[in-house]
Amino acid sequence: MGEAVFAPLPTRLRPRKWREPDIVFVLKEHLPEGDYPDRVDLAVEVVSEDRQSHIRDYIDKRSDYEAAGIPEYWIVDPQKHQITVLRLEGGQYVEHGVFKKGAKATSVLLQGFSVDVDAVFAAAK
C-alpha cells in the first residue's frame, strides 16, 4: 500500500515550512523518486510531557498539516492514554475518533488498519 517512515524525516509542507513528524506514511503512488516525499498521506505525532509539546501537536502542527493537505493526522498522547485520529474534509480536519483504553484506533485512509490503544502504550513502558 505504501511506506511508513520514522523520524527523522523532514517533511516540506510549503515553501520554507518544514516539520518532522514522528511517523509518516506515504501511499505507494506518492512515493518519491528521491530521498524526501513531496506528499505525506498520514502524519503521526507522539505528544511529549511538557505543555509546549501539547500545544505544538494539538494546535500548531494540526494547523500546519491541515494547510498542507495531509489527509490524515494521528495524535498519540501518552499522558491522556488516547489516540486522536483526524481526517481532512473540505480542507479542514474533522475528528474521526478519540480512541481510549480498551479501544482500537482506526484509519479512514487505510481501510482495515487499526491499532490497539492499550498495546501502543504498553509497548512504550
PDB file of N, CA and C in Angstrom:
ATOM      1  N   MET A   1       0.814  -1.203   0.000  1.00  0.00           N
ATOM      2  CA  MET A   1       0.000   0.000   0.000  1.00  0.00           C
ATOM      3  C   MET A   1       0.851   1.258   0.000  1.00  0.00           C
ATOM      4  N   GLY A   2       2.024   1.187   0.616  1.00  0.00           N
ATOM      5  CA  GLY A   2       2.876   2.360   0.730  1.00  0.00           C
ATOM      6  C   GLY A   2       4.004   2.098   1.684  1.00  0.00           C
ATOM      7  N   GLU A   3       4.524   3.163   2.255  1.00  0.00           N
ATOM      8  CA  GLU A   3       5.683   3.029   3.131  1.00  0.00           C
ATOM      9  C   GLU A   3       5.548   3.941   4.346  1.00  0.00           C
ATOM     10  N   ALA A   4       5.838   3.366   5.514  1.00  0.00           N
ATOM     11  CA  ALA A   4       5.880   4.140   6.758  1.00  0.00           C
ATOM     12  C   ALA A   4       7.342   4.419   7.080  1.00  0.00           C
ATOM     13  N   VAL A   5       7.612   5.656   7.476  1.00  0.00           N
ATOM     14  CA  VAL A   5       8.980   6.056   7.792  1.00  0.00           C
ATOM     15  C   VAL A   5       8.963   6.766   9.141  1.00  0.00           C
ATOM     16  N   PHE A   6       9.918   6.419   9.977  1.00  0.00           N
ATOM     17  CA  PHE A   6      10.049   7.027  11.298  1.00  0.00           C
ATOM     18  C   PHE A   6      10.990   8.221  11.238  1.00  0.00           C
ATOM     19  N   ALA A   7      10.823   9.153  12.169  1.00  0.00           N
ATOM     20  CA  ALA A   7      11.705  10.318  12.260  1.00  0.00           C
ATOM     21  C   ALA A   7      13.147   9.840  12.440  1.00  0.00           C
ATOM     22  N   PRO A   8      14.091  10.556  11.965  1.00  0.00           N
ATOM     23  CA  PRO A   8      13.977  11.878  11.377  1.00  0.00           C
ATOM     24  C   PRO A   8      13.714  11.807   9.873  1.00  0.00           C
ATOM     25  N   LEU A   9      12.701  12.507   9.446  1.00  0.00           N
ATOM     26  CA  LEU A   9      12.400  12.669   8.024  1.00  0.00           C
ATOM     27  C   LEU A   9      11.761  14.046   7.846  1.00  0.00           C
ATOM     28  N   PRO A  10      12.563  15.055   7.522  1.00  0.00           N
ATOM     29  CA  PRO A  10      12.000  16.378   7.304  1.00  0.00           C
ATOM     30  C   PRO A  10      10.935  16.322   6.212  1.00  0.00           C
ATOM     31  N   THR A  11       9.811  16.944   6.480  1.00  0.00           N
ATOM     32  CA  THR A  11       8.687  16.928   5.551  1.00  0.00           C
ATOM     33  C   THR A  11       8.348  18.364   5.182  1.00  0.00           C
ATOM     34  N   ARG A  12       8.427  18.664   3.898  1.00  0.00           N
ATOM     35  CA  ARG A  12       8.126  20.021   3.424  1.00  0.00           C
ATOM     36  C   ARG A  12       6.619  20.190   3.310  1.00  0.00           C
ATOM     37  N   LEU A  13       6.091  21.167   4.018  1.00  0.00           N
ATOM     38  CA  LEU A  13       4.658  21.427   3.992  1.00  0.00           C
ATOM     39  C   LEU A  13       4.305  22.500   2.971  1.00  0.00           C
ATOM     40  N   ARG A  14       5.202  23.458   2.817  1.00  0.00           N
ATOM     41  CA  ARG A  14       5.066  24.537   1.832  1.00  0.00           C
ATOM     42  C   ARG A  14       6.443  25.193   1.748  1.00  0.00           C
ATOM     43  N   PRO A  15       6.640  26.143   0.847  1.00  0.00           N
ATOM     44  CA  PRO A  15       7.957  26.779   0.771  1.00  0.00           C
ATOM     45  C   PRO A  15       8.390  27.336   2.130  1.00  0.00           C
ATOM     46  N   ARG A  16       9.581  26.981   2.532  1.00  0.00           N
ATOM     47  CA  ARG A  16      10.201  27.422   3.786  1.00  0.00           C
ATOM     48  C   ARG A  16       9.466  26.959   5.047  1.00  0.00           C
ATOM     49  N   LYS A  17       8.601  25.961   4.943  1.00  0.00           N
ATOM     50  CA  LYS A  17       7.910  25.433   6.127  1.00  0.00           C
ATOM     51  C   LYS A  17       8.101  23.923   6.158  1.00  0.00           C
ATOM     52  N   TRP A  18       8.853  23.464   7.147  1.00  0.00           N
ATOM     53  CA  TRP A  18       9.163  22.049   7.309  1.00  0.00           C
ATOM     54  C   TRP A  18       8.697  21.593   8.685  1.00  0.00           C
ATOM     55  N   ARG A  19       8.296  20.359   8.772  1.00  0.00           N
ATOM     56  CA  ARG A  19       8.005  19.697  10.051  1.00  0.00           C
ATOM     57  C   ARG A  19       8.676  18.335   9.997  1.00  0.00           C
ATOM     58  N   GLU A  20       8.789  17.720  11.161  1.00  0.00           N
ATOM     59  CA  GLU A  20       9.386  16.391  11.232  1.00  0.00           C
ATOM     60  C   GLU A  20       8.475  15.501  12.073  1.00  0.00           C
ATOM     61  N   PRO A  21       7.410  14.951  11.449  1.00  0.00           N
ATOM     62  CA  PRO A  21       6.502  14.074  12.206  1.00  0.00           C
ATOM     63  C   PRO A  21       7.261  12.867  12.758  1.00  0.00           C
ATOM     64  N   ASP A  22       6.731  12.298  13.833  1.00  0.00           N
ATOM     65  CA  ASP A  22       7.357  11.104  14.404  1.00  0.00           C
ATOM     66  C   ASP A  22       7.262   9.921  13.446  1.00  0.00           C
ATOM     67  N   ILE A  23       6.151   9.831  12.735  1.00  0.00           N
ATOM     68  CA  ILE A  23       5.952   8.790  11.717  1.00  0.00           C
ATOM     69  C   ILE A  23       5.207   9.423  10.548  1.00  0.00           C
ATOM     70  N   VAL A  24       5.609   9.086   9.333  1.00  0.00           N
ATOM     71  CA  VAL A  24       4.833   9.472   8.157  1.00  0.00           C
ATOM     72  C   VAL A  24       4.526   8.220   7.355  1.00  0.00           C
ATOM     73  N   PHE A  25       3.382   8.240   6.705  1.00  0.00           N
ATOM     74  CA  PHE A  25       3.021   7.171   5.781  1.00  0.00           C
ATOM     75  C   PHE A  25       2.747   7.812   4.435  1.00  0.00           C
ATOM     76  N   VAL A  26       3.328   7.214   3.389  1.00  0.00           N
ATOM     77  CA  VAL A  26       3.138   7.698   2.029  1.00  0.00           C
ATOM     78  C   VAL A  26       2.584   6.542   1.193  1.00  0.00           C
ATOM     79  N   LEU A  27       1.451   6.792   0.565  1.00  0.00           N
ATOM     80  CA  LEU A  27       0.861   5.778  -0.310  1.00  0.00           C
ATOM     81  C   LEU A  27       1.823   5.451  -1.452  1.00  0.00           C
ATOM     82  N   LYS A  28       1.730   4.237  -1.945  1.00  0.00           N
ATOM     83  CA  LYS A  28       2.631   3.750  -2.985  1.00  0.00           C
ATOM     84  C   LYS A  28       2.704   4.710  -4.173  1.00  0.00           C
ATOM     85  N   GLU A  29       1.553   5.232  -4.595  1.00  0.00           N
ATOM     86  CA  GLU A  29       1.533   6.115  -5.768  1.00  0.00           C
ATOM     87  C   GLU A  29       2.151   7.494  -5.499  1.00  0.00           C
ATOM     88  N   HIS A  30       2.425   7.805  -4.238  1.00  0.00           N
ATOM     89  CA  HIS A  30       3.039   9.088  -3.883  1.00  0.00           C
ATOM     90  C   HIS A  30       4.486   8.949  -3.432  1.00  0.00           C
ATOM     91  N   LEU A  31       5.039   7.737  -3.473  1.00  0.00           N
ATOM     92  CA  LEU A  31       6.417   7.542  -3.032  1.00  0.00           C
ATOM     93  C   LEU A  31       7.367   8.345  -3.916  1.00  0.00           C
ATOM     94  N   PRO A  32       8.356   8.980  -3.305  1.00  0.00           N
ATOM     95  CA  PRO A  32       9.258   9.849  -4.064  1.00  0.00           C
ATOM     96  C   PRO A  32      10.302   9.063  -4.847  1.00  0.00           C
ATOM     97  N   GLU A  33      10.828   9.709  -5.843  1.00  0.00           N
ATOM     98  CA  GLU A  33      11.954   9.133  -6.573  1.00  0.00           C
ATOM     99  C   GLU A  33      13.246   9.439  -5.834  1.00  0.00           C
ATOM    100  N   GLY A  34      13.260  10.538  -5.056  1.00  0.00           N
ATOM    101  CA  GLY A  34      14.435  10.922  -4.286  1.00  0.00           C
ATOM    102  C   GLY A  34      14.300  10.497  -2.838  1.00  0.00           C
ATOM    103  N   ASP A  35      14.980  11.220  -1.971  1.00  0.00           N
ATOM    104  CA  ASP A  35      15.022  10.882  -0.557  1.00  0.00           C
ATOM    105  C   ASP A  35      13.814  11.343   0.248  1.00  0.00           C
ATOM    106  N   TYR A  36      13.206  12.459  -0.156  1.00  0.00           N
ATOM    107  CA  TYR A  36      12.146  13.048   0.646  1.00  0.00           C
ATOM    108  C   TYR A  36      10.825  13.064  -0.118  1.00  0.00           C
ATOM    109  N   PRO A  37       9.745  12.708   0.565  1.00  0.00           N
ATOM    110  CA  PRO A  37       8.450  12.719  -0.124  1.00  0.00           C
ATOM    111  C   PRO A  37       7.965  14.141  -0.393  1.00  0.00           C
ATOM    112  N   ASP A  38       7.313  14.331  -1.535  1.00  0.00           N
ATOM    113  CA  ASP A  38       6.682  15.613  -1.856  1.00  0.00           C
ATOM    114  C   ASP A  38       5.302  15.689  -1.221  1.00  0.00           C
ATOM    115  N   ARG A  39       4.816  14.520  -0.848  1.00  0.00           N
ATOM    116  CA  ARG A  39       3.472  14.449  -0.286  1.00  0.00           C
ATOM    117  C   ARG A  39       3.456  13.391   0.812  1.00  0.00           C
ATOM    118  N   VAL A  40       2.794  13.717   1.904  1.00  0.00           N
ATOM    119  CA  VAL A  40       2.605  12.783   3.006  1.00  0.00           C
ATOM    120  C   VAL A  40       1.112  12.511   3.096  1.00  0.00           C
ATOM    121  N   ASP A  41       0.749  11.246   3.256  1.00  0.00           N
ATOM    122  CA  ASP A  41      -0.675  10.897   3.308  1.00  0.00           C
ATOM    123  C   ASP A  41      -1.181  10.740   4.738  1.00  0.00           C
ATOM    124  N   LEU A  42      -0.274  10.445   5.663  1.00  0.00           N
ATOM    125  CA  LEU A  42      -0.650  10.300   7.069  1.00  0.00           C
ATOM    126  C   LEU A  42       0.541  10.730   7.914  1.00  0.00           C
ATOM    127  N   ALA A  43       0.289  11.599   8.882  1.00  0.00           N
ATOM    128  CA  ALA A  43       1.328  12.041   9.818  1.00  0.00           C
ATOM    129  C   ALA A  43       0.926  11.608  11.219  1.00  0.00           C
ATOM    130  N   VAL A  44       1.907  11.163  11.995  1.00  0.00           N
ATOM    131  CA  VAL A  44       1.674  10.749  13.384  1.00  0.00           C
ATOM    132  C   VAL A  44       2.625  11.541  14.282  1.00  0.00           C
ATOM    133  N   GLU A  45       2.073  12.138  15.323  1.00  0.00           N
ATOM    134  CA  GLU A  45       2.870  12.826  16.323  1.00  0.00           C
ATOM    135  C   GLU A  45       2.609  12.196  17.686  1.00  0.00           C
ATOM    136  N   VAL A  46       3.679  11.978  18.462  1.00  0.00           N
ATOM    137  CA  VAL A  46       3.582  11.485  19.831  1.00  0.00           C
ATOM    138  C   VAL A  46       3.822  12.683  20.742  1.00  0.00           C
ATOM    139  N   VAL A  47       2.859  12.984  21.586  1.00  0.00           N
ATOM    140  CA  VAL A  47       2.913  14.164  22.448  1.00  0.00           C
ATOM    141  C   VAL A  47       3.863  13.913  23.616  1.00  0.00           C
ATOM    142  N   SER A  48       4.832  14.810  23.774  1.00  0.00           N
ATOM    143  CA  SER A  48       5.733  14.748  24.925  1.00  0.00           C
ATOM    144  C   SER A  48       5.035  15.322  26.150  1.00  0.00           C
ATOM    145  N   GLU A  49       5.651  15.152  27.318  1.00  0.00           N
ATOM    146  CA  GLU A  49       5.014  15.539  28.585  1.00  0.00           C
ATOM    147  C   GLU A  49       4.849  17.038  28.791  1.00  0.00           C
ATOM    148  N   ASP A  50       5.729  17.851  28.212  1.00  0.00           N
ATOM    149  CA  ASP A  50       5.678  19.284  28.509  1.00  0.00           C
ATOM    150  C   ASP A  50       4.503  19.984  27.812  1.00  0.00           C
ATOM    151  N   ARG A  51       4.076  21.075  28.409  1.00  0.00           N
ATOM    152  CA  ARG A  51       2.922  21.831  27.911  1.00  0.00           C
ATOM    153  C   ARG A  51       3.136  22.334  26.486  1.00  0.00           C
ATOM    154  N   GLN A  52       4.350  22.765  26.161  1.00  0.00           N
ATOM    155  CA  GLN A  52       4.635  23.267  24.816  1.00  0.00           C
ATOM    156  C   GLN A  52       4.426  22.189  23.761  1.00  0.00           C
ATOM    157  N   SER A  53       4.788  20.958  24.075  1.00  0.00           N
ATOM    158  CA  SER A  53       4.572  19.854  23.131  1.00  0.00           C
ATOM    159  C   SER A  53       3.090  19.636  22.894  1.00  0.00           C
ATOM    160  N   HIS A  54       2.317  19.745  23.945  1.00  0.00           N
ATOM    161  CA  HIS A  54       0.870  19.581  23.834  1.00  0.00           C
ATOM    162  C   HIS A  54       0.298  20.643  22.893  1.00  0.00           C
ATOM    163  N   ILE A  55       0.683  21.882  23.093  1.00  0.00           N
ATOM    164  CA  ILE A  55       0.215  22.977  22.230  1.00  0.00           C
ATOM    165  C   ILE A  55       0.702  22.766  20.797  1.00  0.00           C
ATOM    166  N   ARG A  56       1.950  22.407  20.651  1.00  0.00           N
ATOM    167  CA  ARG A  56       2.528  22.208  19.317  1.00  0.00           C
ATOM    168  C   ARG A  56       1.808  21.102  18.542  1.00  0.00           C
ATOM    169  N   ASP A  57       1.562  19.955  19.197  1.00  0.00           N
ATOM    170  CA  ASP A  57       0.961  18.824  18.483  1.00  0.00           C
ATOM    171  C   ASP A  57      -0.539  18.982  18.259  1.00  0.00           C
ATOM    172  N   TYR A  58      -1.255  19.508  19.252  1.00  0.00           N
ATOM    173  CA  TYR A  58      -2.707  19.636  19.129  1.00  0.00           C
ATOM    174  C   TYR A  58      -3.148  20.880  18.353  1.00  0.00           C
ATOM    175  N   ILE A  59      -2.332  21.928  18.355  1.00  0.00           N
ATOM    176  CA  ILE A  59      -2.755  23.180  17.718  1.00  0.00           C
ATOM    177  C   ILE A  59      -1.872  23.538  16.520  1.00  0.00           C
ATOM    178  N   ASP A  60      -0.581  23.754  16.775  1.00  0.00           N
ATOM    179  CA  ASP A  60       0.304  24.230  15.717  1.00  0.00           C
ATOM    180  C   ASP A  60       0.460  23.232  14.568  1.00  0.00           C
ATOM    181  N   LYS A  61       0.831  22.010  14.903  1.00  0.00           N
ATOM    182  CA  LYS A  61       1.043  21.016  13.849  1.00  0.00           C
ATOM    183  C   LYS A  61      -0.270  20.640  13.179  1.00  0.00           C
ATOM    184  N   ARG A  62      -1.330  20.591  13.953  1.00  0.00           N
ATOM    185  CA  ARG A  62      -2.643  20.310  13.354  1.00  0.00           C
ATOM    186  C   ARG A  62      -2.943  21.345  12.266  1.00  0.00           C
ATOM    187  N   SER A  63      -2.722  22.592  12.564  1.00  0.00           N
ATOM    188  CA  SER A  63      -2.964  23.670  11.603  1.00  0.00           C
ATOM    189  C   SER A  63      -2.032  23.556  10.397  1.00  0.00           C
ATOM    190  N   ASP A  64      -0.761  23.280  10.651  1.00  0.00           N
ATOM    191  CA  ASP A  64       0.207  23.139   9.557  1.00  0.00           C
ATOM    192  C   ASP A  64      -0.132  21.961   8.653  1.00  0.00           C
ATOM    193  N   TYR A  65      -0.444  20.825   9.234  1.00  0.00           N
ATOM    194  CA  TYR A  65      -0.750  19.631   8.429  1.00  0.00           C
ATOM    195  C   TYR A  65      -2.053  19.803   7.667  1.00  0.00           C
ATOM    196  N   GLU A  66      -3.003  20.454   8.288  1.00  0.00           N
ATOM    197  CA  GLU A  66      -4.280  20.751   7.639  1.00  0.00           C
ATOM    198  C   GLU A  66      -4.041  21.644   6.414  1.00  0.00           C
ATOM    199  N   ALA A  67      -3.288  22.719   6.591  1.00  0.00           N
ATOM    200  CA  ALA A  67      -2.992  23.649   5.494  1.00  0.00           C
ATOM    201  C   ALA A  67      -2.203  22.966   4.378  1.00  0.00           C
ATOM    202  N   ALA A  68      -1.377  21.990   4.731  1.00  0.00           N
ATOM    203  CA  ALA A  68      -0.584  21.259   3.741  1.00  0.00           C
ATOM    204  C   ALA A  68      -1.411  20.202   3.004  1.00  0.00           C
ATOM    205  N   GLY A  69      -2.622  19.943   3.483  1.00  0.00           N
ATOM    206  CA  GLY A  69      -3.487  18.970   2.820  1.00  0.00           C
ATOM    207  C   GLY A  69      -3.164  17.525   3.138  1.00  0.00           C
ATOM    208  N   ILE A  70      -2.558  17.270   4.291  1.00  0.00           N
ATOM    209  CA  ILE A  70      -2.271  15.887   4.691  1.00  0.00           C
ATOM    210  C   ILE A  70      -3.602  15.230   5.068  1.00  0.00           C
ATOM    211  N   PRO A  71      -4.001  14.174   4.359  1.00  0.00           N
ATOM    212  CA  PRO A  71      -5.338  13.600   4.525  1.00  0.00           C
ATOM    213  C   PRO A  71      -5.666  13.058   5.919  1.00  0.00           C
ATOM    214  N   GLU A  72      -4.665  12.591   6.661  1.00  0.00           N
ATOM    215  CA  GLU A  72      -4.954  12.014   7.971  1.00  0.00           C
ATOM    216  C   GLU A  72      -3.833  12.354   8.950  1.00  0.00           C
ATOM    217  N   TYR A  73      -4.230  12.696  10.178  1.00  0.00           N
ATOM    218  CA  TYR A  73      -3.278  13.077  11.228  1.00  0.00           C
ATOM    219  C   TYR A  73      -3.664  12.359  12.510  1.00  0.00           C
ATOM    220  N   TRP A  74      -2.696  11.613  13.074  1.00  0.00           N
ATOM    221  CA  TRP A  74      -2.899  10.905  14.333  1.00  0.00           C
ATOM    222  C   TRP A  74      -2.087  11.610  15.414  1.00  0.00           C
ATOM    223  N   ILE A  75      -2.733  11.865  16.562  1.00  0.00           N
ATOM    224  CA  ILE A  75      -2.058  12.427  17.723  1.00  0.00           C
ATOM    225  C   ILE A  75      -2.066  11.354  18.814  1.00  0.00           C
ATOM    226  N   VAL A  76      -0.895  10.831  19.124  1.00  0.00           N
ATOM    227  CA  VAL A  76      -0.744   9.790  20.132  1.00  0.00           C
ATOM    228  C   VAL A  76      -0.326  10.477  21.428  1.00  0.00           C
ATOM    229  N   ASP A  77      -1.206  10.415  22.421  1.00  0.00           N
ATOM    230  CA  ASP A  77      -0.991  11.159  23.662  1.00  0.00           C
ATOM    231  C   ASP A  77      -0.840  10.206  24.844  1.00  0.00           C
ATOM    232  N   PRO A  78       0.421   9.919  25.248  1.00  0.00           N
ATOM    233  CA  PRO A  78       0.653   9.008  26.366  1.00  0.00           C
ATOM    234  C   PRO A  78       0.109   9.531  27.700  1.00  0.00           C
ATOM    235  N   GLN A  79       0.069  10.843  27.878  1.00  0.00           N
ATOM    236  CA  GLN A  79      -0.434  11.397  29.129  1.00  0.00           C
ATOM    237  C   GLN A  79      -1.940  11.163  29.280  1.00  0.00           C
ATOM    238  N   LYS A  80      -2.664  11.244  28.203  1.00  0.00           N
ATOM    239  CA  LYS A  80      -4.111  11.026  28.236  1.00  0.00           C
ATOM    240  C   LYS A  80      -4.473   9.576  27.912  1.00  0.00           C
ATOM    241  N   HIS A  81      -3.471   8.788  27.527  1.00  0.00           N
ATOM    242  CA  HIS A  81      -3.678   7.399  27.129  1.00  0.00           C
ATOM    243  C   HIS A  81      -4.749   7.328  26.036  1.00  0.00           C
ATOM    244  N   GLN A  82      -4.543   8.153  24.994  1.00  0.00           N
ATOM    245  CA  GLN A  82      -5.515   8.176  23.907  1.00  0.00           C
ATOM    246  C   GLN A  82      -4.838   8.486  22.579  1.00  0.00           C
ATOM    247  N   ILE A  83      -5.521   8.084  21.521  1.00  0.00           N
ATOM    248  CA  ILE A  83      -5.078   8.369  20.163  1.00  0.00           C
ATOM    249  C   ILE A  83      -6.222   9.096  19.465  1.00  0.00           C
ATOM    250  N   THR A  84      -5.925  10.296  18.989  1.00  0.00           N
ATOM    251  CA  THR A  84      -6.912  11.083  18.257  1.00  0.00           C
ATOM    252  C   THR A  84      -6.606  10.942  16.774  1.00  0.00           C
ATOM    253  N   VAL A  85      -7.618  10.571  15.996  1.00  0.00           N
ATOM    254  CA  VAL A  85      -7.460  10.429  14.552  1.00  0.00           C
ATOM    255  C   VAL A  85      -8.306  11.504  13.871  1.00  0.00           C
ATOM    256  N   LEU A  86      -7.617  12.329  13.078  1.00  0.00           N
ATOM    257  CA  LEU A  86      -8.273  13.401  12.344  1.00  0.00           C
ATOM    258  C   LEU A  86      -8.190  13.109  10.851  1.00  0.00           C
ATOM    259  N   ARG A  87      -9.248  13.446  10.136  1.00  0.00           N
ATOM    260  CA  ARG A  87      -9.241  13.266   8.681  1.00  0.00           C
ATOM    261  C   ARG A  87      -9.596  14.588   8.033  1.00  0.00           C
ATOM    262  N   LEU A  88      -9.013  14.822   6.872  1.00  0.00           N
ATOM    263  CA  LEU A  88      -9.240  16.063   6.157  1.00  0.00           C
ATOM    264  C   LEU A  88     -10.563  15.984   5.398  1.00  0.00           C
ATOM    265  N   GLU A  89     -11.406  16.966   5.621  1.00  0.00           N
ATOM    266  CA  GLU A  89     -12.699  17.022   4.935  1.00  0.00           C
ATOM    267  C   GLU A  89     -12.966  18.478   4.568  1.00  0.00           C
ATOM    268  N   GLY A  90     -13.060  18.751   3.284  1.00  0.00           N
ATOM    269  CA  GLY A  90     -13.292  20.119   2.842  1.00  0.00           C
ATOM    270  C   GLY A  90     -12.195  21.080   3.254  1.00  0.00           C
ATOM    271  N   GLY A  91     -10.968  20.596   3.313  1.00  0.00           N
ATOM    272  CA  GLY A  91      -9.838  21.444   3.674  1.00  0.00           C
ATOM    273  C   GLY A  91      -9.630  21.640   5.161  1.00  0.00           C
ATOM    274  N   GLN A  92     -10.466  20.989   5.990  1.00  0.00           N
ATOM    275  CA  GLN A  92     -10.320  21.107   7.442  1.00  0.00           C
ATOM    276  C   GLN A  92     -10.332  19.723   8.079  1.00  0.00           C
ATOM    277  N   TYR A  93      -9.623  19.618   9.205  1.00  0.00           N
ATOM    278  CA  TYR A  93      -9.637  18.358   9.925  1.00  0.00           C
ATOM    279  C   TYR A  93     -10.932  18.218  10.716  1.00  0.00           C
ATOM    280  N   VAL A  94     -11.490  17.021  10.624  1.00  0.00           N
ATOM    281  CA  VAL A  94     -12.622  16.642  11.461  1.00  0.00           C
ATOM    282  C   VAL A  94     -12.206  15.397  12.221  1.00  0.00           C
ATOM    283  N   GLU A  95     -12.774  15.229  13.375  1.00  0.00           N
ATOM    284  CA  GLU A  95     -12.420  14.110  14.236  1.00  0.00           C
ATOM    285  C   GLU A  95     -13.055  12.827  13.718  1.00  0.00           C
ATOM    286  N   HIS A  96     -12.213  11.871  13.376  1.00  0.00           N
ATOM    287  CA  HIS A  96     -12.693  10.528  13.052  1.00  0.00           C
ATOM    288  C   HIS A  96     -12.990   9.786  14.350  1.00  0.00           C
ATOM    289  N   GLY A  97     -12.148  10.048  15.360  1.00  0.00           N
ATOM    290  CA  GLY A  97     -12.372   9.423  16.655  1.00  0.00           C
ATOM    291  C   GLY A  97     -11.283   9.743  17.645  1.00  0.00           C
ATOM    292  N   VAL A  98     -11.666   9.688  18.915  1.00  0.00           N
ATOM    293  CA  VAL A  98     -10.706   9.774  20.023  1.00  0.00           C
ATOM    294  C   VAL A  98     -10.777   8.409  20.687  1.00  0.00           C
ATOM    295  N   PHE A  99      -9.710   7.649  20.546  1.00  0.00           N
ATOM    296  CA  PHE A  99      -9.693   6.248  20.967  1.00  0.00           C
ATOM    297  C   PHE A  99      -8.917   6.122  22.272  1.00  0.00           C
ATOM    298  N   LYS A 100      -9.577   5.534  23.262  1.00  0.00           N
ATOM    299  CA  LYS A 100      -9.001   5.421  24.607  1.00  0.00           C
ATOM    300  C   LYS A 100      -8.830   3.958  25.000  1.00  0.00           C
ATOM    301  N   LYS A 101      -8.478   3.752  26.262  1.00  0.00           N
ATOM    302  CA  LYS A 101      -8.233   2.422  26.814  1.00  0.00           C
ATOM    303  C   LYS A 101      -9.326   1.442  26.388  1.00  0.00           C
ATOM    304  N   GLY A 102      -8.889   0.279  25.923  1.00  0.00           N
ATOM    305  CA  GLY A 102      -9.815  -0.777  25.518  1.00  0.00           C
ATOM    306  C   GLY A 102     -10.312  -0.661  24.085  1.00  0.00           C
ATOM    307  N   ALA A 103      -9.935   0.412  23.387  1.00  0.00           N
ATOM    308  CA  ALA A 103     -10.416   0.631  22.015  1.00  0.00           C
ATOM    309  C   ALA A 103      -9.316   0.339  21.002  1.00  0.00           C
ATOM    310  N   LYS A 104      -9.721   0.298  19.755  1.00  0.00           N
ATOM    311  CA  LYS A 104      -8.785   0.194  18.640  1.00  0.00           C
ATOM    312  C   LYS A 104      -8.930   1.444  17.795  1.00  0.00           C
ATOM    313  N   ALA A 105      -7.834   2.158  17.615  1.00  0.00           N
ATOM    314  CA  ALA A 105      -7.829   3.335  16.757  1.00  0.00           C
ATOM    315  C   ALA A 105      -7.846   2.863  15.310  1.00  0.00           C
ATOM    316  N   THR A 106      -8.730   3.458  14.520  1.00  0.00           N
ATOM    317  CA  THR A 106      -8.870   3.045  13.121  1.00  0.00           C
ATOM    318  C   THR A 106      -8.525   4.189  12.179  1.00  0.00           C
ATOM    319  N   SER A 107      -8.109   3.802  10.995  1.00  0.00           N
ATOM    320  CA  SER A 107      -7.759   4.755   9.955  1.00  0.00           C
ATOM    321  C   SER A 107      -8.885   4.860   8.944  1.00  0.00           C
ATOM    322  N   VAL A 108      -9.078   6.047   8.407  1.00  0.00           N
ATOM    323  CA  VAL A 108     -10.000   6.242   7.295  1.00  0.00           C
ATOM    324  C   VAL A 108      -9.242   5.989   5.993  1.00  0.00           C
ATOM    325  N   LEU A 109      -8.025   6.505   5.922  1.00  0.00           N
ATOM    326  CA  LEU A 109      -7.189   6.395   4.731  1.00  0.00           C
ATOM    327  C   LEU A 109      -6.831   4.944   4.412  1.00  0.00           C
ATOM    328  N   LEU A 110      -6.466   4.203   5.435  1.00  0.00           N
ATOM    329  CA  LEU A 110      -6.016   2.812   5.263  1.00  0.00           C
ATOM    330  C   LEU A 110      -7.118   1.875   5.739  1.00  0.00           C
ATOM    331  N   GLN A 111      -8.038   1.590   4.868  1.00  0.00           N
ATOM    332  CA  GLN A 111      -9.176   0.743   5.208  1.00  0.00           C
ATOM    333  C   GLN A 111      -8.714  -0.569   5.832  1.00  0.00           C
ATOM    334  N   GLY A 112      -9.283  -0.902   6.992  1.00  0.00           N
ATOM    335  CA  GLY A 112      -8.964  -2.139   7.683  1.00  0.00           C
ATOM    336  C   GLY A 112      -7.792  -2.030   8.648  1.00  0.00           C
ATOM    337  N   PHE A 113      -7.078  -0.901   8.633  1.00  0.00           N
ATOM    338  CA  PHE A 113      -5.941  -0.728   9.535  1.00  0.00           C
ATOM    339  C   PHE A 113      -6.437  -0.222  10.880  1.00  0.00           C
ATOM    340  N   SER A 114      -6.004  -0.898  11.944  1.00  0.00           N
ATOM    341  CA  SER A 114      -6.347  -0.457  13.295  1.00  0.00           C
ATOM    342  C   SER A 114      -5.176  -0.736  14.229  1.00  0.00           C
ATOM    343  N   VAL A 115      -5.168  -0.007  15.346  1.00  0.00           N
ATOM    344  CA  VAL A 115      -4.110  -0.140  16.332  1.00  0.00           C
ATOM    345  C   VAL A 115      -4.766  -0.256  17.702  1.00  0.00           C
ATOM    346  N   ASP A 116      -4.389  -1.265  18.455  1.00  0.00           N
ATOM    347  CA  ASP A 116      -4.903  -1.457  19.807  1.00  0.00           C
ATOM    348  C   ASP A 116      -4.263  -0.412  20.718  1.00  0.00           C
ATOM    349  N   VAL A 117      -5.086   0.466  21.279  1.00  0.00           N
ATOM    350  CA  VAL A 117      -4.596   1.575  22.101  1.00  0.00           C
ATOM    351  C   VAL A 117      -3.777   1.059  23.280  1.00  0.00           C
ATOM    352  N   ASP A 118      -4.284   0.053  23.979  1.00  0.00           N
ATOM    353  CA  ASP A 118      -3.560  -0.486  25.131  1.00  0.00           C
ATOM    354  C   ASP A 118      -2.207  -1.040  24.743  1.00  0.00           C
ATOM    355  N   ALA A 119      -2.132  -1.716  23.602  1.00  0.00           N
ATOM    356  CA  ALA A 119      -0.871  -2.286  23.150  1.00  0.00           C
ATOM    357  C   ALA A 119       0.142  -1.202  22.819  1.00  0.00           C
ATOM    358  N   VAL A 120      -0.318  -0.100  22.242  1.00  0.00           N
ATOM    359  CA  VAL A 120       0.596   1.004  21.912  1.00  0.00           C
ATOM    360  C   VAL A 120       1.256   1.534  23.172  1.00  0.00           C
ATOM    361  N   PHE A 121       0.455   1.791  24.204  1.00  0.00           N
ATOM    362  CA  PHE A 121       1.016   2.384  25.410  1.00  0.00           C
ATOM    363  C   PHE A 121       1.754   1.363  26.269  1.00  0.00           C
ATOM    364  N   ALA A 122       1.394   0.099  26.196  1.00  0.00           N
ATOM    365  CA  ALA A 122       2.133  -0.953  26.910  1.00  0.00           C
ATOM    366  C   ALA A 122       3.530  -1.119  26.301  1.00  0.00           C
ATOM    367  N   ALA A 123       3.627  -0.975  24.995  1.00  0.00           N
ATOM    368  CA  ALA A 123       4.919  -1.120  24.318  1.00  0.00           C
ATOM    369  C   ALA A 123       5.875   0.013  24.686  1.00  0.00           C
ATOM    370  N   ALA A 124       5.336   1.137  25.106  1.00  0.00           N
ATOM    371  CA  ALA A 124       6.175   2.292  25.442  1.00  0.00           C
ATOM    372  C   ALA A 124       6.765   2.197  26.842  1.00  0.00           C
ATOM    373  N   LYS A 125       6.321   1.258  27.638  1.00  0.00           N
ATOM    374  CA  LYS A 125       6.809   1.142  29.027  1.00  0.00           C
ATOM    375  C   LYS A 125       8.151   0.472  29.086  1.00  0.00           C
TER     376      LYS A 125
END
